All heavy atoms as atom14 arrays in JSON, in Angstrom:
{
  "sequence": "RNPFPDSTKQEEHADSIERIETLYLVQEKDLCCSCLKM",
  "atom14_mask": [
    [1, 1, 1, 1, 1, 1, 1, 1, 1, 1, 1, 0, 0, 0],
    [1, 1, 1, 1, 1, 1, 1, 1, 0, 0, 0, 0, 0, 0],
    [1, 1, 1, 1, 1, 1, 1, 0, 0, 0, 0, 0, 0, 0],
    [1, 1, 1, 1, 1, 1, 1, 1, 1, 1, 1, 0, 0, 0],
    [1, 1, 1, 1, 1, 1, 1, 0, 0, 0, 0, 0, 0, 0],
    [1, 1, 1, 1, 1, 1, 1, 1, 0, 0, 0, 0, 0, 0],
    [1, 1, 1, 1, 1, 1, 0, 0, 0, 0, 0, 0, 0, 0],
    [1, 1, 1, 1, 1, 1, 1, 0, 0, 0, 0, 0, 0, 0],
    [1, 1, 1, 1, 1, 1, 1, 1, 1, 0, 0, 0, 0, 0],
    [1, 1, 1, 1, 1, 1, 1, 1, 1, 0, 0, 0, 0, 0],
    [1, 1, 1, 1, 1, 1, 1, 1, 1, 0, 0, 0, 0, 0],
    [1, 1, 1, 1, 1, 1, 1, 1, 1, 0, 0, 0, 0, 0],
    [1, 1, 1, 1, 1, 1, 1, 1, 1, 1, 0, 0, 0, 0],
    [1, 1, 1, 1, 1, 0, 0, 0, 0, 0, 0, 0, 0, 0],
    [1, 1, 1, 1, 1, 1, 1, 1, 0, 0, 0, 0, 0, 0],
    [1, 1, 1, 1, 1, 1, 0, 0, 0, 0, 0, 0, 0, 0],
    [1, 1, 1, 1, 1, 1, 1, 1, 0, 0, 0, 0, 0, 0],
    [1, 1, 1, 1, 1, 1, 1, 1, 1, 0, 0, 0, 0, 0],
    [1, 1, 1, 1, 1, 1, 1, 1, 1, 1, 1, 0, 0, 0],
    [1, 1, 1, 1, 1, 1, 1, 1, 0, 0, 0, 0, 0, 0],
    [1, 1, 1, 1, 1, 1, 1, 1, 1, 0, 0, 0, 0, 0],
    [1, 1, 1, 1, 1, 1, 1, 0, 0, 0, 0, 0, 0, 0],
    [1, 1, 1, 1, 1, 1, 1, 1, 0, 0, 0, 0, 0, 0],
    [1, 1, 1, 1, 1, 1, 1, 1, 1, 1, 1, 1, 0, 0],
    [1, 1, 1, 1, 1, 1, 1, 1, 0, 0, 0, 0, 0, 0],
    [1, 1, 1, 1, 1, 1, 1, 0, 0, 0, 0, 0, 0, 0],
    [1, 1, 1, 1, 1, 1, 1, 1, 1, 0, 0, 0, 0, 0],
    [1, 1, 1, 1, 1, 1, 1, 1, 1, 0, 0, 0, 0, 0],
    [1, 1, 1, 1, 1, 1, 1, 1, 1, 0, 0, 0, 0, 0],
    [1, 1, 1, 1, 1, 1, 1, 1, 0, 0, 0, 0, 0, 0],
    [1, 1, 1, 1, 1, 1, 1, 1, 0, 0, 0, 0, 0, 0],
    [1, 1, 1, 1, 1, 1, 0, 0, 0, 0, 0, 0, 0, 0],
    [1, 1, 1, 1, 1, 1, 0, 0, 0, 0, 0, 0, 0, 0],
    [1, 1, 1, 1, 1, 1, 0, 0, 0, 0, 0, 0, 0, 0],
    [1, 1, 1, 1, 1, 1, 0, 0, 0, 0, 0, 0, 0, 0],
    [1, 1, 1, 1, 1, 1, 1, 1, 0, 0, 0, 0, 0, 0],
    [1, 1, 1, 1, 1, 1, 1, 1, 1, 0, 0, 0, 0, 0],
    [1, 1, 1, 1, 1, 1, 1, 1, 0, 0, 0, 0, 0, 0]
  ],
  "atom14_positions": [
    [[-183.02, 83.54, -91.56], [-184.08, 83.51, -92.49], [-184.17, 82.16, -93.14], [-184.31, 81.98, -94.36], [-183.96, 84.65, -93.53], [-184.26, 86.02, -92.88], [-184.11, 87.06, -93.95], [-182.74, 87.14, -94.51], [-181.67, 87.76, -93.85], [-181.79, 88.39, -92.69], [-180.56, 87.74, -94.46], [0.0, 0.0, 0.0], [0.0, 0.0, 0.0], [0.0, 0.0, 0.0]],
    [[-184.09, 81.08, -92.27], [-184.32, 79.67, -92.68], [-185.56, 79.21, -91.85], [-185.68, 79.67, -90.68], [-183.15, 78.89, -92.45], [-182.11, 78.91, -93.67], [-182.32, 78.36, -94.71], [-181.12, 79.62, -93.44], [0.0, 0.0, 0.0], [0.0, 0.0, 0.0], [0.0, 0.0, 0.0], [0.0, 0.0, 0.0], [0.0, 0.0, 0.0], [0.0, 0.0, 0.0]],
    [[-186.37, 78.27, -92.3], [-187.55, 77.88, -91.49], [-187.25, 76.85, -90.52], [-187.77, 75.68, -90.55], [-188.41, 77.34, -92.65], [-187.51, 76.81, -93.73], [-186.35, 77.78, -93.67], [0.0, 0.0, 0.0], [0.0, 0.0, 0.0], [0.0, 0.0, 0.0], [0.0, 0.0, 0.0], [0.0, 0.0, 0.0], [0.0, 0.0, 0.0], [0.0, 0.0, 0.0]],
    [[-186.34, 77.08, -89.57], [-186.08, 76.21, -88.49], [-187.34, 75.9, -87.76], [-188.18, 76.78, -87.51], [-185.01, 76.74, -87.49], [-183.66, 76.92, -88.19], [-183.06, 78.15, -88.28], [-182.94, 75.83, -88.68], [-181.82, 78.31, -88.93], [-181.77, 75.94, -89.3], [-181.18, 77.09, -89.4], [0.0, 0.0, 0.0], [0.0, 0.0, 0.0], [0.0, 0.0, 0.0]],
    [[-187.59, 74.73, -87.26], [-188.93, 74.26, -86.69], [-189.45, 75.16, -85.69], [-190.66, 75.56, -85.58], [-188.57, 72.85, -86.22], [-187.52, 72.42, -87.05], [-186.6, 73.65, -87.35], [0.0, 0.0, 0.0], [0.0, 0.0, 0.0], [0.0, 0.0, 0.0], [0.0, 0.0, 0.0], [0.0, 0.0, 0.0], [0.0, 0.0, 0.0], [0.0, 0.0, 0.0]],
    [[-188.63, 75.52, -84.68], [-189.17, 76.4, -83.49], [-187.99, 77.08, -82.9], [-186.79, 76.83, -83.16], [-189.86, 75.58, -82.55], [-189.17, 74.35, -82.07], [-187.98, 74.48, -81.73], [-189.81, 73.27, -81.98], [0.0, 0.0, 0.0], [0.0, 0.0, 0.0], [0.0, 0.0, 0.0], [0.0, 0.0, 0.0], [0.0, 0.0, 0.0], [0.0, 0.0, 0.0]],
    [[-188.3, 77.89, -81.98], [-187.24, 78.68, -81.3], [-186.28, 77.79, -80.56], [-185.07, 78.13, -80.42], [-187.84, 79.73, -80.25], [-188.71, 79.04, -79.4], [0.0, 0.0, 0.0], [0.0, 0.0, 0.0], [0.0, 0.0, 0.0], [0.0, 0.0, 0.0], [0.0, 0.0, 0.0], [0.0, 0.0, 0.0], [0.0, 0.0, 0.0], [0.0, 0.0, 0.0]],
    [[-186.72, 76.67, -79.97], [-185.88, 75.73, -79.23], [-184.74, 75.17, -80.14], [-183.6, 75.26, -79.73], [-186.69, 74.56, -78.62], [-187.7, 75.14, -77.81], [-185.78, 73.56, -77.88], [0.0, 0.0, 0.0], [0.0, 0.0, 0.0], [0.0, 0.0, 0.0], [0.0, 0.0, 0.0], [0.0, 0.0, 0.0], [0.0, 0.0, 0.0], [0.0, 0.0, 0.0]],
    [[-185.2, 74.9, -81.33], [-184.23, 74.32, -82.3], [-183.13, 75.42, -82.7], [-181.94, 75.1, -82.78], [-184.86, 73.86, -83.65], [-185.68, 72.59, -83.45], [-184.73, 71.43, -83.21], [-185.45, 70.11, -83.08], [-184.56, 68.98, -82.82], [0.0, 0.0, 0.0], [0.0, 0.0, 0.0], [0.0, 0.0, 0.0], [0.0, 0.0, 0.0], [0.0, 0.0, 0.0]],
    [[-183.61, 76.67, -82.87], [-182.72, 77.78, -83.18], [-181.73, 77.97, -81.92], [-180.55, 78.22, -82.18], [-183.48, 78.97, -83.46], [-184.35, 78.9, -84.77], [-185.02, 80.21, -85.16], [-184.34, 81.24, -85.07], [-186.25, 80.11, -85.41], [0.0, 0.0, 0.0], [0.0, 0.0, 0.0], [0.0, 0.0, 0.0], [0.0, 0.0, 0.0], [0.0, 0.0, 0.0]],
    [[-182.26, 77.78, -80.73], [-181.36, 78.02, -79.58], [-180.31, 76.9, -79.59], [-179.14, 77.16, -79.25], [-182.13, 78.01, -78.27], [-183.02, 79.28, -78.12], [-183.86, 79.1, -76.89], [-183.83, 78.08, -76.2], [-184.7, 80.09, -76.66], [0.0, 0.0, 0.0], [0.0, 0.0, 0.0], [0.0, 0.0, 0.0], [0.0, 0.0, 0.0], [0.0, 0.0, 0.0]],
    [[-180.74, 75.64, -79.98], [-179.75, 74.54, -80.08], [-178.64, 74.88, -80.95], [-177.53, 74.55, -80.73], [-180.48, 73.22, -80.48], [-181.38, 72.72, -79.34], [-182.1, 71.54, -79.73], [-181.88, 70.96, -80.92], [-182.96, 70.94, -79.02], [0.0, 0.0, 0.0], [0.0, 0.0, 0.0], [0.0, 0.0, 0.0], [0.0, 0.0, 0.0], [0.0, 0.0, 0.0]],
    [[-179.05, 75.46, -82.22], [-178.06, 75.8, -83.15], [-177.02, 76.84, -82.54], [-175.8, 76.76, -82.73], [-178.61, 76.35, -84.4], [-179.52, 75.4, -85.21], [-179.17, 74.11, -85.31], [-180.66, 75.54, -85.92], [-180.12, 73.39, -86.0], [-180.96, 74.33, -86.36], [0.0, 0.0, 0.0], [0.0, 0.0, 0.0], [0.0, 0.0, 0.0], [0.0, 0.0, 0.0]],
    [[-177.56, 77.83, -81.93], [-176.8, 78.9, -81.35], [-175.84, 78.34, -80.23], [-174.66, 78.69, -80.21], [-177.69, 79.93, -80.71], [0.0, 0.0, 0.0], [0.0, 0.0, 0.0], [0.0, 0.0, 0.0], [0.0, 0.0, 0.0], [0.0, 0.0, 0.0], [0.0, 0.0, 0.0], [0.0, 0.0, 0.0], [0.0, 0.0, 0.0], [0.0, 0.0, 0.0]],
    [[-176.32, 77.42, -79.42], [-175.56, 76.77, -78.34], [-174.4, 76.05, -78.91], [-173.26, 76.2, -78.51], [-176.39, 75.92, -77.49], [-177.34, 76.57, -76.58], [-177.19, 77.84, -76.38], [-178.3, 75.95, -76.1], [0.0, 0.0, 0.0], [0.0, 0.0, 0.0], [0.0, 0.0, 0.0], [0.0, 0.0, 0.0], [0.0, 0.0, 0.0], [0.0, 0.0, 0.0]],
    [[-174.63, 75.36, -79.99], [-173.55, 74.59, -80.62], [-172.44, 75.48, -81.15], [-171.29, 75.18, -81.02], [-174.06, 73.66, -81.8], [-175.03, 72.78, -81.3], [0.0, 0.0, 0.0], [0.0, 0.0, 0.0], [0.0, 0.0, 0.0], [0.0, 0.0, 0.0], [0.0, 0.0, 0.0], [0.0, 0.0, 0.0], [0.0, 0.0, 0.0], [0.0, 0.0, 0.0]],
    [[-172.88, 76.59, -81.74], [-171.87, 77.56, -82.27], [-171.04, 78.16, -81.24], [-169.95, 78.41, -81.34], [-172.62, 78.53, -83.18], [-173.27, 77.88, -84.4], [-171.62, 79.6, -83.69], [-174.14, 78.77, -85.17], [0.0, 0.0, 0.0], [0.0, 0.0, 0.0], [0.0, 0.0, 0.0], [0.0, 0.0, 0.0], [0.0, 0.0, 0.0], [0.0, 0.0, 0.0]],
    [[-171.74, 78.45, -80.11], [-171.1, 79.1, -79.01], [-170.0, 78.16, -78.39], [-168.94, 78.55, -78.0], [-172.09, 79.58, -77.83], [-172.86, 80.72, -78.18], [-173.98, 80.97, -77.2], [-174.01, 80.31, -76.17], [-174.82, 81.89, -77.49], [0.0, 0.0, 0.0], [0.0, 0.0, 0.0], [0.0, 0.0, 0.0], [0.0, 0.0, 0.0], [0.0, 0.0, 0.0]],
    [[-170.34, 76.88, -78.42], [-169.34, 75.96, -77.95], [-168.05, 75.81, -78.88], [-166.98, 75.68, -78.44], [-169.94, 74.47, -77.8], [-170.86, 74.39, -76.62], [-171.17, 72.9, -76.31], [-172.07, 72.36, -77.29], [-173.4, 72.44, -77.21], [-173.87, 73.2, -76.27], [-174.14, 71.95, -78.08], [0.0, 0.0, 0.0], [0.0, 0.0, 0.0], [0.0, 0.0, 0.0]],
    [[-168.28, 76.0, -80.15], [-167.2, 76.18, -81.12], [-166.33, 77.37, -80.72], [-165.09, 77.31, -80.69], [-167.7, 76.31, -82.61], [-168.46, 75.03, -82.94], [-166.59, 76.67, -83.44], [-169.06, 75.14, -84.37], [0.0, 0.0, 0.0], [0.0, 0.0, 0.0], [0.0, 0.0, 0.0], [0.0, 0.0, 0.0], [0.0, 0.0, 0.0], [0.0, 0.0, 0.0]],
    [[-166.99, 78.47, -80.43], [-166.27, 79.73, -80.11], [-165.39, 79.46, -78.88], [-164.2, 79.86, -78.82], [-167.25, 80.86, -79.84], [-166.6, 82.12, -79.39], [-166.92, 82.28, -77.92], [-168.02, 81.88, -77.43], [-166.16, 82.92, -77.19], [0.0, 0.0, 0.0], [0.0, 0.0, 0.0], [0.0, 0.0, 0.0], [0.0, 0.0, 0.0], [0.0, 0.0, 0.0]],
    [[-165.94, 78.86, -77.85], [-165.22, 78.57, -76.62], [-164.05, 77.78, -76.89], [-162.87, 77.87, -76.46], [-166.07, 77.99, -75.55], [-167.21, 78.84, -75.33], [-165.36, 77.72, -74.25], [0.0, 0.0, 0.0], [0.0, 0.0, 0.0], [0.0, 0.0, 0.0], [0.0, 0.0, 0.0], [0.0, 0.0, 0.0], [0.0, 0.0, 0.0], [0.0, 0.0, 0.0]],
    [[-164.21, 76.59, -77.71], [-163.14, 75.61, -78.01], [-162.08, 76.4, -78.79], [-160.96, 76.11, -78.51], [-163.75, 74.48, -78.77], [-162.8, 73.32, -79.2], [-162.34, 72.66, -77.89], [-163.54, 72.34, -80.1], [0.0, 0.0, 0.0], [0.0, 0.0, 0.0], [0.0, 0.0, 0.0], [0.0, 0.0, 0.0], [0.0, 0.0, 0.0], [0.0, 0.0, 0.0]],
    [[-162.42, 77.25, -79.75], [-161.48, 77.95, -80.51], [-160.54, 78.81, -79.62], [-159.39, 78.75, -79.79], [-162.19, 78.82, -81.5], [-161.25, 79.59, -82.4], [-160.7, 78.97, -83.57], [-160.93, 80.95, -82.11], [-159.73, 79.72, -84.3], [-160.01, 81.61, -82.85], [-159.51, 81.03, -84.02], [-158.62, 81.71, -84.81], [0.0, 0.0, 0.0], [0.0, 0.0, 0.0]],
    [[-161.2, 79.44, -78.65], [-160.34, 80.36, -77.83], [-159.44, 79.57, -76.96], [-158.25, 80.03, -76.74], [-161.21, 81.28, -76.93], [-162.04, 82.33, -77.72], [-163.15, 82.99, -76.79], [-161.17, 83.31, -78.34], [0.0, 0.0, 0.0], [0.0, 0.0, 0.0], [0.0, 0.0, 0.0], [0.0, 0.0, 0.0], [0.0, 0.0, 0.0], [0.0, 0.0, 0.0]],
    [[-159.85, 78.52, -76.4], [-159.02, 77.63, -75.48], [-157.9, 77.11, -76.28], [-156.75, 76.98, -75.84], [-159.9, 76.6, -74.9], [-158.98, 75.54, -74.12], [-160.86, 77.14, -73.91], [0.0, 0.0, 0.0], [0.0, 0.0, 0.0], [0.0, 0.0, 0.0], [0.0, 0.0, 0.0], [0.0, 0.0, 0.0], [0.0, 0.0, 0.0], [0.0, 0.0, 0.0]],
    [[-158.08, 76.69, -77.53], [-157.04, 76.02, -78.27], [-156.25, 76.98, -79.13], [-155.35, 76.61, -79.92], [-157.7, 74.93, -79.22], [-158.3, 73.8, -78.41], [-158.73, 72.69, -79.41], [-158.84, 72.93, -80.53], [-159.0, 71.52, -78.84], [0.0, 0.0, 0.0], [0.0, 0.0, 0.0], [0.0, 0.0, 0.0], [0.0, 0.0, 0.0], [0.0, 0.0, 0.0]],
    [[-156.44, 78.28, -79.14], [-155.74, 79.21, -79.89], [-154.23, 79.25, -79.41], [-153.96, 79.77, -78.26], [-156.37, 80.61, -79.83], [-155.65, 81.62, -80.61], [-155.33, 81.26, -82.0], [-156.43, 81.19, -82.76], [-154.25, 81.06, -82.46], [0.0, 0.0, 0.0], [0.0, 0.0, 0.0], [0.0, 0.0, 0.0], [0.0, 0.0, 0.0], [0.0, 0.0, 0.0]],
    [[-153.29, 78.72, -80.2], [-151.94, 78.56, -79.8], [-151.22, 79.82, -79.61], [-150.25, 79.92, -78.94], [-151.26, 77.65, -80.75], [-151.79, 76.23, -80.79], [-151.01, 75.31, -81.79], [-151.64, 73.95, -81.79], [-150.94, 73.07, -82.78], [0.0, 0.0, 0.0], [0.0, 0.0, 0.0], [0.0, 0.0, 0.0], [0.0, 0.0, 0.0], [0.0, 0.0, 0.0]],
    [[-151.59, 80.85, -80.4], [-150.96, 82.15, -80.43], [-151.29, 83.06, -79.29], [-150.68, 84.12, -79.19], [-151.17, 82.84, -81.76], [-150.62, 82.03, -82.97], [-149.63, 81.36, -82.76], [-151.11, 82.23, -84.06], [0.0, 0.0, 0.0], [0.0, 0.0, 0.0], [0.0, 0.0, 0.0], [0.0, 0.0, 0.0], [0.0, 0.0, 0.0], [0.0, 0.0, 0.0]],
    [[-152.24, 82.69, -78.48], [-152.68, 83.48, -77.33], [-151.7, 83.4, -76.21], [-151.51, 82.27, -75.71], [-154.09, 83.17, -76.89], [-155.28, 83.78, -77.76], [-156.49, 83.25, -77.11], [-155.26, 85.25, -77.79], [0.0, 0.0, 0.0], [0.0, 0.0, 0.0], [0.0, 0.0, 0.0], [0.0, 0.0, 0.0], [0.0, 0.0, 0.0], [0.0, 0.0, 0.0]],
    [[-151.21, 84.53, -75.75], [-150.4, 84.49, -74.46], [-151.33, 84.39, -73.27], [-152.52, 84.5, -73.39], [-149.5, 85.65, -74.46], [-150.45, 87.15, -74.31], [0.0, 0.0, 0.0], [0.0, 0.0, 0.0], [0.0, 0.0, 0.0], [0.0, 0.0, 0.0], [0.0, 0.0, 0.0], [0.0, 0.0, 0.0], [0.0, 0.0, 0.0], [0.0, 0.0, 0.0]],
    [[-150.78, 84.22, -72.13], [-151.57, 84.11, -70.95], [-152.47, 85.23, -70.62], [-153.66, 85.09, -70.3], [-150.71, 83.78, -69.69], [-149.86, 82.09, -69.78], [0.0, 0.0, 0.0], [0.0, 0.0, 0.0], [0.0, 0.0, 0.0], [0.0, 0.0, 0.0], [0.0, 0.0, 0.0], [0.0, 0.0, 0.0], [0.0, 0.0, 0.0], [0.0, 0.0, 0.0]],
    [[-151.9, 86.4, -70.73], [-152.63, 87.73, -70.54], [-153.77, 87.92, -71.53], [-154.84, 88.27, -71.08], [-151.59, 88.91, -70.53], [-151.04, 88.99, -71.79], [0.0, 0.0, 0.0], [0.0, 0.0, 0.0], [0.0, 0.0, 0.0], [0.0, 0.0, 0.0], [0.0, 0.0, 0.0], [0.0, 0.0, 0.0], [0.0, 0.0, 0.0], [0.0, 0.0, 0.0]],
    [[-153.48, 87.54, -72.78], [-154.55, 87.69, -73.82], [-155.69, 86.71, -73.53], [-156.92, 87.1, -73.67], [-154.03, 87.47, -75.22], [-152.89, 88.8, -75.7], [0.0, 0.0, 0.0], [0.0, 0.0, 0.0], [0.0, 0.0, 0.0], [0.0, 0.0, 0.0], [0.0, 0.0, 0.0], [0.0, 0.0, 0.0], [0.0, 0.0, 0.0], [0.0, 0.0, 0.0]],
    [[-155.41, 85.46, -73.16], [-156.39, 84.49, -72.88], [-157.2, 84.85, -71.75], [-158.46, 84.77, -71.77], [-155.75, 83.13, -72.62], [-156.62, 81.92, -72.34], [-157.65, 81.76, -73.54], [-155.85, 80.69, -72.03], [0.0, 0.0, 0.0], [0.0, 0.0, 0.0], [0.0, 0.0, 0.0], [0.0, 0.0, 0.0], [0.0, 0.0, 0.0], [0.0, 0.0, 0.0]],
    [[-156.6, 85.57, -70.69], [-157.37, 85.88, -69.53], [-158.3, 87.04, -69.84], [-159.44, 87.05, -69.43], [-156.33, 86.32, -68.37], [-157.14, 86.75, -67.05], [-156.05, 87.06, -65.99], [-156.78, 87.44, -64.76], [-155.77, 87.85, -63.67], [0.0, 0.0, 0.0], [0.0, 0.0, 0.0], [0.0, 0.0, 0.0], [0.0, 0.0, 0.0], [0.0, 0.0, 0.0]],
    [[-157.76, 88.01, -70.77], [-158.63, 89.04, -71.11], [-159.8, 88.6, -71.88], [-160.9, 89.11, -71.66], [-157.77, 89.95, -72.08], [-158.41, 91.34, -72.38], [-157.31, 92.29, -73.44], [-155.84, 92.38, -72.51], [0.0, 0.0, 0.0], [0.0, 0.0, 0.0], [0.0, 0.0, 0.0], [0.0, 0.0, 0.0], [0.0, 0.0, 0.0], [0.0, 0.0, 0.0]]
  ]
}
């Protein structure tokens, strides 16, 4: 509920956040190999 200019911009925000999520999972030191694969 913020007035982002258009849907494309909102998708850009979402894409950036998804990349954070991917980076976090890859760098999570406490994940064992099986958990990472899961």
